[in-house]
Amino acid sequence: MDVNTIAGAALLAKAGQTQQTLSTAMVKQAANQQNMMASLLAQNVQQAPQPDSSYNFSTYA
């Protein structure tokens, strides 16, 4: 093996590592966004008006 072949293989390996790092970062960012959305939905559920139990409404037909 000559120096150019070794250097080329090293560059390919480095490029692969860079691609994997970027992919991991994108997955982490997507997971963080999903967590934020879940938190917002949980807050909305807590703030939603509760049904009034004084009404006896039935959907049974």
Protein backbone atom coordinates (compact mmCIF):
# COMPACT_ATOMS: atom_id res chain seq x y z
CA MET A 1 0.00 0.00 0.00
CA ASP A 2 1.27 3.41 -0.85
CA VAL A 3 0.76 6.60 1.10
CA ASN A 4 -2.03 7.83 -1.19
CA THR A 5 -4.08 4.68 -0.63
CA ILE A 6 -3.70 4.93 3.14
CA ALA A 7 -4.54 8.63 3.11
CA GLY A 8 -7.60 7.99 0.95
CA ALA A 9 -8.82 5.25 3.29
CA ALA A 10 -8.31 7.54 6.27
CA LEU A 11 -10.28 10.31 4.58
CA LEU A 12 -13.12 7.92 3.79
CA ALA A 13 -13.19 6.75 7.39
CA LYS A 14 -13.21 10.34 8.62
CA ALA A 15 -16.05 11.22 6.24
CA GLY A 16 -18.02 8.24 7.52
CA GLN A 17 -17.52 9.33 11.11
CA THR A 18 -18.60 12.86 10.26
CA GLN A 19 -21.76 11.58 8.56
CA GLN A 20 -22.56 9.37 11.55
CA THR A 21 -22.04 12.29 13.94
CA LEU A 22 -24.35 14.51 11.90
CA SER A 23 -26.99 11.79 11.75
CA THR A 24 -26.81 11.30 15.50
CA ALA A 25 -27.16 15.04 16.07
CA MET A 26 -30.21 15.16 13.81
CA VAL A 27 -31.86 12.26 15.66
CA LYS A 28 -31.13 13.94 18.99
CA GLN A 29 -32.61 17.22 17.76
CA ALA A 30 -35.75 15.45 16.55
CA ALA A 31 -36.10 13.70 19.92
CA ASN A 32 -35.76 17.02 21.74
CA GLN A 33 -38.46 18.55 19.54
CA GLN A 34 -40.77 15.62 20.27
CA ASN A 35 -40.14 16.04 24.00
CA MET A 36 -41.00 19.72 23.75
CA MET A 37 -44.21 18.91 21.87
CA ALA A 38 -45.15 16.30 24.47
CA SER A 39 -44.58 18.83 27.25
CA LEU A 40 -46.76 21.41 25.50
CA LEU A 41 -49.53 18.85 25.01
CA ALA A 42 -49.32 17.84 28.68
CA GLN A 43 -49.63 21.50 29.70
CA ASN A 44 -52.64 21.93 27.42
CA VAL A 45 -54.33 18.90 28.95
CA GLN A 46 -53.80 20.28 32.45
CA GLN A 47 -55.23 23.66 31.44
CA ALA A 48 -58.27 22.23 29.64
CA PRO A 49 -61.60 22.90 31.34
CA GLN A 50 -62.90 19.98 33.34
CA PRO A 51 -66.41 18.72 32.61
CA ASP A 52 -69.12 19.81 35.00
CA SER A 53 -70.34 16.76 36.90
CA SER A 54 -73.68 18.41 37.74
CA TYR A 55 -74.96 17.58 34.23
CA ASN A 56 -75.94 13.99 33.55
CA PHE A 57 -75.53 13.83 29.82
CA SER A 58 -75.54 10.48 28.10
CA THR A 59 -74.73 9.64 24.51
CA TYR A 60 -76.41 6.25 24.83
CA ALA A 61 -79.16 5.87 22.25
